[in-house]
Amino acid sequence: MRDNRSPYWRQRRAAGALGPGRDARALIGPPGRPTRPHRFFTVHLGFTAPGAADARELAVGYAEALSLLRPEVALGAAALSPADAWHRAERLFCGAVGPDGERCVDVAEHPGFHHAPGPGGLGWGDGDA
């Protein structure tokens, strides 16, 4: 066995080699490049329904329920497509941009005013005209 010194003394000797007043923790710095911004991902949930209208109702219900459980789920990004044709996805929610930058959370192609998220959310638009 060539090196029988204790790890404590090896660490102290390495810190001493850095020079007086230096700390061994200063060797570890922040990352050299900036961190990546968060990216947008999509989850695909498969389910069965008797027809397209029923599938749309179920999909809206699933998306709203998930957004209640997990606030980071973006309702405006929810879409519905046949399982074998993802390229034919159609939006589930309106997503119209309001005066304060919020997005309408009503179902797509809804009649009347647009509504911001949350109870008593701001309504805007042409109304029932």
N, C-alpha and C. Protein backbone atom coordinates (compact mmCIF):
# COMPACT_ATOMS: atom_id res chain seq x y z
N MET A 1 0.84 -1.15 0.00
CA MET A 1 0.00 0.00 0.00
C MET A 1 0.90 1.24 0.00
N ARG A 2 0.84 2.01 -1.07
CA ARG A 2 1.74 3.16 -1.20
C ARG A 2 1.26 4.40 -0.44
N ASP A 3 -0.03 4.62 -0.42
CA ASP A 3 -0.54 5.86 0.18
C ASP A 3 -1.44 5.51 1.35
N ASN A 4 -0.94 5.69 2.56
CA ASN A 4 -1.75 5.36 3.74
C ASN A 4 -2.16 6.61 4.51
N ARG A 5 -2.14 7.77 3.83
CA ARG A 5 -2.57 8.99 4.50
C ARG A 5 -4.09 9.07 4.56
N SER A 6 -4.58 9.75 5.54
CA SER A 6 -6.03 9.87 5.70
C SER A 6 -6.58 10.83 4.64
N PRO A 7 -7.84 10.61 4.19
CA PRO A 7 -8.44 11.51 3.20
C PRO A 7 -8.53 12.95 3.69
N TYR A 8 -8.70 13.14 4.99
CA TYR A 8 -8.78 14.49 5.54
C TYR A 8 -7.49 15.25 5.26
N TRP A 9 -6.37 14.62 5.47
CA TRP A 9 -5.09 15.30 5.27
C TRP A 9 -4.81 15.52 3.79
N ARG A 10 -5.25 14.61 2.93
CA ARG A 10 -5.08 14.82 1.49
C ARG A 10 -5.89 16.03 1.04
N GLN A 11 -7.11 16.18 1.58
CA GLN A 11 -7.94 17.33 1.22
C GLN A 11 -7.30 18.61 1.73
N ARG A 12 -6.80 18.61 2.97
CA ARG A 12 -6.16 19.79 3.53
C ARG A 12 -4.92 20.18 2.72
N ARG A 13 -4.16 19.18 2.27
CA ARG A 13 -2.96 19.46 1.48
C ARG A 13 -3.36 20.07 0.13
N ALA A 14 -4.46 19.60 -0.50
CA ALA A 14 -4.91 20.16 -1.78
C ALA A 14 -5.38 21.59 -1.60
N ALA A 15 -6.10 21.87 -0.50
CA ALA A 15 -6.56 23.24 -0.25
C ALA A 15 -5.37 24.15 0.03
N GLY A 16 -4.35 23.64 0.71
CA GLY A 16 -3.17 24.43 0.99
C GLY A 16 -2.37 24.74 -0.26
N ALA A 17 -2.42 23.85 -1.26
CA ALA A 17 -1.68 24.06 -2.50
C ALA A 17 -2.29 25.18 -3.34
N LEU A 18 -3.54 25.51 -3.07
CA LEU A 18 -4.18 26.59 -3.82
C LEU A 18 -3.63 27.95 -3.46
N GLY A 19 -3.02 28.05 -2.32
CA GLY A 19 -2.45 29.32 -1.89
C GLY A 19 -3.17 29.85 -0.67
N PRO A 20 -2.56 30.81 0.01
CA PRO A 20 -3.18 31.34 1.23
C PRO A 20 -4.47 32.11 0.90
N GLY A 21 -5.46 31.92 1.78
CA GLY A 21 -6.72 32.64 1.64
C GLY A 21 -7.66 32.05 0.60
N ARG A 22 -7.30 30.96 -0.06
CA ARG A 22 -8.17 30.34 -1.06
C ARG A 22 -8.99 29.24 -0.42
N ASP A 23 -10.16 29.05 -0.91
CA ASP A 23 -11.05 28.02 -0.39
C ASP A 23 -11.23 26.96 -1.49
N ALA A 24 -11.28 25.70 -1.09
CA ALA A 24 -11.43 24.62 -2.08
C ALA A 24 -12.79 24.70 -2.78
N ARG A 25 -13.80 25.27 -2.13
CA ARG A 25 -15.12 25.35 -2.75
C ARG A 25 -15.14 26.31 -3.92
N ALA A 26 -14.17 27.21 -4.02
CA ALA A 26 -14.14 28.18 -5.10
C ALA A 26 -13.80 27.53 -6.45
N LEU A 27 -13.38 26.29 -6.43
CA LEU A 27 -13.07 25.58 -7.68
C LEU A 27 -14.33 25.23 -8.45
N ILE A 28 -15.45 25.18 -7.78
CA ILE A 28 -16.72 24.82 -8.43
C ILE A 28 -17.48 26.11 -8.69
N GLY A 29 -17.71 26.42 -9.96
CA GLY A 29 -18.39 27.65 -10.33
C GLY A 29 -19.71 27.37 -11.01
N PRO A 30 -20.40 28.43 -11.42
CA PRO A 30 -21.67 28.25 -12.12
C PRO A 30 -21.43 27.64 -13.51
N PRO A 31 -22.44 27.08 -14.12
CA PRO A 31 -22.27 26.50 -15.45
C PRO A 31 -21.81 27.56 -16.45
N GLY A 32 -21.00 27.13 -17.41
CA GLY A 32 -20.44 28.05 -18.38
C GLY A 32 -21.44 28.58 -19.39
N ARG A 33 -22.46 27.80 -19.72
CA ARG A 33 -23.44 28.27 -20.70
C ARG A 33 -24.80 28.41 -20.03
N PRO A 34 -25.63 29.27 -20.56
CA PRO A 34 -26.94 29.50 -19.93
C PRO A 34 -27.82 28.27 -20.04
N THR A 35 -28.74 28.14 -19.10
CA THR A 35 -29.67 27.00 -19.13
C THR A 35 -30.69 27.21 -20.23
N ARG A 36 -31.21 26.12 -20.74
CA ARG A 36 -32.21 26.18 -21.81
C ARG A 36 -33.55 26.63 -21.27
N PRO A 37 -34.32 27.36 -22.06
CA PRO A 37 -35.67 27.70 -21.62
C PRO A 37 -36.55 26.45 -21.68
N HIS A 38 -37.64 26.47 -20.93
CA HIS A 38 -38.55 25.32 -20.95
C HIS A 38 -39.15 25.15 -22.33
N ARG A 39 -39.25 23.90 -22.77
CA ARG A 39 -39.84 23.60 -24.07
C ARG A 39 -41.27 23.11 -23.88
N PHE A 40 -42.05 23.16 -24.94
CA PHE A 40 -43.44 22.73 -24.91
C PHE A 40 -43.51 21.28 -25.37
N PHE A 41 -44.19 20.44 -24.60
CA PHE A 41 -44.36 19.04 -24.95
C PHE A 41 -45.84 18.70 -25.01
N THR A 42 -46.18 17.64 -25.69
CA THR A 42 -47.56 17.22 -25.86
C THR A 42 -47.73 15.79 -25.36
N VAL A 43 -48.80 15.54 -24.65
CA VAL A 43 -49.14 14.18 -24.23
C VAL A 43 -50.36 13.75 -25.05
N HIS A 44 -50.33 12.55 -25.53
CA HIS A 44 -51.44 12.02 -26.32
C HIS A 44 -52.15 10.96 -25.48
N LEU A 45 -53.43 11.18 -25.23
CA LEU A 45 -54.24 10.24 -24.46
C LEU A 45 -55.19 9.53 -25.41
N GLY A 46 -55.17 8.23 -25.38
CA GLY A 46 -56.07 7.46 -26.24
C GLY A 46 -57.32 7.05 -25.50
N PHE A 47 -58.47 7.14 -26.15
CA PHE A 47 -59.74 6.70 -25.56
C PHE A 47 -60.69 6.35 -26.70
N THR A 48 -61.74 5.63 -26.38
CA THR A 48 -62.72 5.26 -27.39
C THR A 48 -64.00 6.08 -27.18
N ALA A 49 -64.70 6.33 -28.28
CA ALA A 49 -65.96 7.06 -28.25
C ALA A 49 -66.79 6.61 -29.44
N PRO A 50 -68.12 6.68 -29.32
CA PRO A 50 -68.98 6.24 -30.42
C PRO A 50 -68.87 7.09 -31.68
N GLY A 51 -68.57 8.37 -31.53
CA GLY A 51 -68.49 9.25 -32.70
C GLY A 51 -67.63 10.46 -32.41
N ALA A 52 -67.46 11.30 -33.44
CA ALA A 52 -66.59 12.47 -33.32
C ALA A 52 -67.13 13.48 -32.30
N ALA A 53 -68.44 13.70 -32.28
CA ALA A 53 -69.01 14.66 -31.33
C ALA A 53 -68.82 14.18 -29.89
N ASP A 54 -69.04 12.89 -29.65
CA ASP A 54 -68.83 12.34 -28.31
C ASP A 54 -67.36 12.40 -27.92
N ALA A 55 -66.49 12.13 -28.87
CA ALA A 55 -65.05 12.20 -28.60
C ALA A 55 -64.63 13.61 -28.22
N ARG A 56 -65.23 14.59 -28.90
CA ARG A 56 -64.91 15.99 -28.59
C ARG A 56 -65.35 16.34 -27.17
N GLU A 57 -66.53 15.94 -26.78
CA GLU A 57 -67.03 16.19 -25.42
C GLU A 57 -66.12 15.54 -24.38
N LEU A 58 -65.74 14.29 -24.61
CA LEU A 58 -64.85 13.60 -23.67
C LEU A 58 -63.49 14.28 -23.59
N ALA A 59 -62.95 14.67 -24.73
CA ALA A 59 -61.64 15.31 -24.77
C ALA A 59 -61.64 16.64 -24.02
N VAL A 60 -62.71 17.43 -24.19
CA VAL A 60 -62.82 18.70 -23.45
C VAL A 60 -62.87 18.42 -21.96
N GLY A 61 -63.64 17.42 -21.56
CA GLY A 61 -63.74 17.06 -20.13
C GLY A 61 -62.40 16.61 -19.57
N TYR A 62 -61.66 15.78 -20.32
CA TYR A 62 -60.35 15.32 -19.86
C TYR A 62 -59.38 16.49 -19.72
N ALA A 63 -59.37 17.38 -20.70
CA ALA A 63 -58.44 18.51 -20.67
C ALA A 63 -58.77 19.44 -19.50
N GLU A 64 -60.05 19.73 -19.27
CA GLU A 64 -60.42 20.60 -18.15
C GLU A 64 -60.09 19.95 -16.82
N ALA A 65 -60.32 18.66 -16.70
CA ALA A 65 -60.01 17.96 -15.44
C ALA A 65 -58.51 17.96 -15.18
N LEU A 66 -57.71 17.72 -16.21
CA LEU A 66 -56.26 17.74 -16.03
C LEU A 66 -55.76 19.13 -15.65
N SER A 67 -56.37 20.17 -16.21
CA SER A 67 -55.93 21.53 -15.89
C SER A 67 -56.28 21.90 -14.45
N LEU A 68 -57.32 21.30 -13.89
CA LEU A 68 -57.63 21.54 -12.48
C LEU A 68 -56.62 20.84 -11.57
N LEU A 69 -56.23 19.64 -11.95
CA LEU A 69 -55.27 18.89 -11.15
C LEU A 69 -53.85 19.42 -11.30
N ARG A 70 -53.50 19.82 -12.51
CA ARG A 70 -52.15 20.29 -12.81
C ARG A 70 -52.24 21.61 -13.54
N PRO A 71 -52.04 22.75 -12.86
CA PRO A 71 -52.21 24.06 -13.49
C PRO A 71 -51.25 24.33 -14.65
N GLU A 72 -50.16 23.60 -14.74
CA GLU A 72 -49.23 23.85 -15.84
C GLU A 72 -49.71 23.29 -17.18
N VAL A 73 -50.81 22.52 -17.17
CA VAL A 73 -51.37 22.01 -18.41
C VAL A 73 -52.01 23.18 -19.16
N ALA A 74 -51.60 23.40 -20.39
CA ALA A 74 -52.11 24.51 -21.20
C ALA A 74 -53.38 24.09 -21.92
N LEU A 75 -54.51 24.64 -21.49
CA LEU A 75 -55.78 24.28 -22.13
C LEU A 75 -55.82 24.72 -23.58
N GLY A 76 -55.23 25.86 -23.88
CA GLY A 76 -55.26 26.36 -25.25
C GLY A 76 -54.56 25.46 -26.24
N ALA A 77 -53.70 24.61 -25.77
CA ALA A 77 -52.95 23.72 -26.66
C ALA A 77 -53.64 22.38 -26.87
N ALA A 78 -54.73 22.12 -26.16
CA ALA A 78 -55.41 20.83 -26.27
C ALA A 78 -56.04 20.68 -27.65
N ALA A 79 -55.87 19.51 -28.23
CA ALA A 79 -56.41 19.22 -29.56
C ALA A 79 -56.94 17.80 -29.60
N LEU A 80 -57.77 17.52 -30.58
CA LEU A 80 -58.36 16.19 -30.76
C LEU A 80 -58.09 15.73 -32.18
N SER A 81 -57.69 14.47 -32.32
CA SER A 81 -57.48 13.90 -33.65
C SER A 81 -57.79 12.41 -33.59
N PRO A 82 -58.11 11.81 -34.72
CA PRO A 82 -58.24 10.35 -34.75
C PRO A 82 -56.90 9.71 -34.40
N ALA A 83 -56.93 8.54 -33.80
CA ALA A 83 -55.71 7.89 -33.33
C ALA A 83 -54.73 7.61 -34.46
N ASP A 84 -55.23 7.36 -35.67
CA ASP A 84 -54.33 7.03 -36.79
C ASP A 84 -54.05 8.23 -37.69
N ALA A 85 -54.51 9.42 -37.30
CA ALA A 85 -54.30 10.61 -38.14
C ALA A 85 -54.02 11.83 -37.27
N TRP A 86 -52.87 11.86 -36.65
CA TRP A 86 -52.53 12.99 -35.78
C TRP A 86 -52.39 14.28 -36.56
N HIS A 87 -52.16 14.21 -37.84
CA HIS A 87 -52.03 15.42 -38.65
C HIS A 87 -53.37 16.12 -38.84
N ARG A 88 -54.48 15.49 -38.47
CA ARG A 88 -55.80 16.10 -38.58
C ARG A 88 -56.30 16.60 -37.23
N ALA A 89 -55.41 17.06 -36.39
CA ALA A 89 -55.80 17.54 -35.06
C ALA A 89 -56.59 18.84 -35.16
N GLU A 90 -57.63 18.95 -34.35
CA GLU A 90 -58.43 20.18 -34.30
C GLU A 90 -58.43 20.70 -32.87
N ARG A 91 -58.41 22.02 -32.71
CA ARG A 91 -58.37 22.63 -31.39
C ARG A 91 -59.64 22.32 -30.61
N LEU A 92 -59.50 22.20 -29.30
CA LEU A 92 -60.66 21.97 -28.44
C LEU A 92 -61.16 23.27 -27.82
N PHE A 93 -60.28 24.24 -27.62
CA PHE A 93 -60.64 25.47 -26.95
C PHE A 93 -60.40 26.66 -27.86
N CYS A 94 -61.12 27.75 -27.61
CA CYS A 94 -61.11 28.94 -28.47
C CYS A 94 -59.72 29.55 -28.56
N GLY A 95 -59.15 29.98 -27.44
CA GLY A 95 -57.80 30.54 -27.44
C GLY A 95 -57.69 31.96 -27.96
N ALA A 96 -58.82 32.67 -28.17
CA ALA A 96 -58.75 34.06 -28.64
C ALA A 96 -58.05 34.92 -27.59
N VAL A 97 -57.20 35.83 -28.05
CA VAL A 97 -56.44 36.69 -27.14
C VAL A 97 -57.29 37.88 -26.73
N GLY A 98 -57.36 38.12 -25.42
CA GLY A 98 -58.16 39.21 -24.87
C GLY A 98 -57.37 40.50 -24.73
N PRO A 99 -58.02 41.55 -24.24
CA PRO A 99 -57.36 42.86 -24.13
C PRO A 99 -56.19 42.88 -23.16
N ASP A 100 -56.17 42.01 -22.16
CA ASP A 100 -55.06 41.98 -21.19
C ASP A 100 -54.08 40.86 -21.48
N GLY A 101 -54.17 40.23 -22.65
CA GLY A 101 -53.24 39.16 -23.03
C GLY A 101 -53.69 37.78 -22.60
N GLU A 102 -54.82 37.67 -21.89
CA GLU A 102 -55.31 36.35 -21.50
C GLU A 102 -55.95 35.66 -22.70
N ARG A 103 -56.16 34.37 -22.62
CA ARG A 103 -56.74 33.60 -23.71
C ARG A 103 -58.10 33.04 -23.30
N CYS A 104 -59.00 32.98 -24.26
CA CYS A 104 -60.35 32.47 -24.01
C CYS A 104 -60.28 30.97 -23.74
N VAL A 105 -60.99 30.54 -22.68
CA VAL A 105 -60.97 29.13 -22.31
C VAL A 105 -62.29 28.42 -22.64
N ASP A 106 -63.18 29.06 -23.40
CA ASP A 106 -64.39 28.39 -23.85
C ASP A 106 -64.04 27.41 -24.96
N VAL A 107 -64.97 26.50 -25.24
CA VAL A 107 -64.73 25.53 -26.31
C VAL A 107 -64.62 26.24 -27.65
N ALA A 108 -63.93 25.64 -28.59
CA ALA A 108 -63.73 26.24 -29.90
C ALA A 108 -65.08 26.48 -30.58
N GLU A 109 -65.15 27.58 -31.33
CA GLU A 109 -66.34 27.97 -32.09
C GLU A 109 -67.57 28.18 -31.20
N HIS A 110 -67.35 28.69 -29.99
CA HIS A 110 -68.47 28.95 -29.07
C HIS A 110 -69.18 30.24 -29.50
N PRO A 111 -70.48 30.34 -29.21
CA PRO A 111 -71.20 31.59 -29.50
C PRO A 111 -71.00 32.59 -28.36
N GLY A 112 -71.14 33.86 -28.64
CA GLY A 112 -71.14 34.89 -27.61
C GLY A 112 -69.75 35.39 -27.24
N PHE A 113 -69.68 35.97 -26.03
CA PHE A 113 -68.44 36.58 -25.53
C PHE A 113 -67.35 35.54 -25.31
N HIS A 114 -66.12 36.01 -25.36
CA HIS A 114 -64.97 35.20 -24.95
C HIS A 114 -64.80 35.39 -23.45
N HIS A 115 -64.23 34.39 -22.77
CA HIS A 115 -64.08 34.47 -21.32
C HIS A 115 -62.67 34.08 -20.90
N ALA A 116 -62.11 34.87 -19.98
CA ALA A 116 -60.80 34.58 -19.40
C ALA A 116 -60.94 33.43 -18.41
N PRO A 117 -59.84 32.76 -18.08
CA PRO A 117 -59.92 31.65 -17.13
C PRO A 117 -60.27 32.11 -15.73
N GLY A 118 -60.77 31.19 -14.94
CA GLY A 118 -61.09 31.45 -13.55
C GLY A 118 -62.52 31.89 -13.36
N PRO A 119 -63.02 31.73 -12.13
CA PRO A 119 -64.39 32.18 -11.84
C PRO A 119 -64.49 33.69 -11.96
N GLY A 120 -65.48 34.16 -12.67
CA GLY A 120 -65.67 35.60 -12.85
C GLY A 120 -64.62 36.22 -13.76
N GLY A 121 -64.05 35.42 -14.66
CA GLY A 121 -63.03 35.94 -15.58
C GLY A 121 -63.59 36.98 -16.52
N LEU A 122 -62.74 37.86 -16.97
CA LEU A 122 -63.12 38.94 -17.88
C LEU A 122 -63.76 38.39 -19.15
N GLY A 123 -64.85 39.02 -19.59
CA GLY A 123 -65.49 38.67 -20.86
C GLY A 123 -65.26 39.79 -21.86
N TRP A 124 -65.04 39.44 -23.12
CA TRP A 124 -64.82 40.45 -24.16
C TRP A 124 -65.33 39.94 -25.49
N GLY A 125 -65.46 40.83 -26.44
CA GLY A 125 -65.87 40.45 -27.78
C GLY A 125 -67.16 41.13 -28.19
N ASP A 126 -67.78 40.58 -29.24
CA ASP A 126 -68.99 41.16 -29.81
C ASP A 126 -70.25 40.65 -29.14
N GLY A 127 -70.13 39.72 -28.23
CA GLY A 127 -71.30 39.21 -27.52
C GLY A 127 -72.16 38.35 -28.40
N ASP A 128 -73.46 38.53 -28.31
CA ASP A 128 -74.41 37.69 -29.04
C ASP A 128 -74.80 38.28 -30.38
N ALA A 129 -74.07 39.27 -30.84
CA ALA A 129 -74.42 39.93 -32.11
C ALA A 129 -74.23 39.02 -33.30
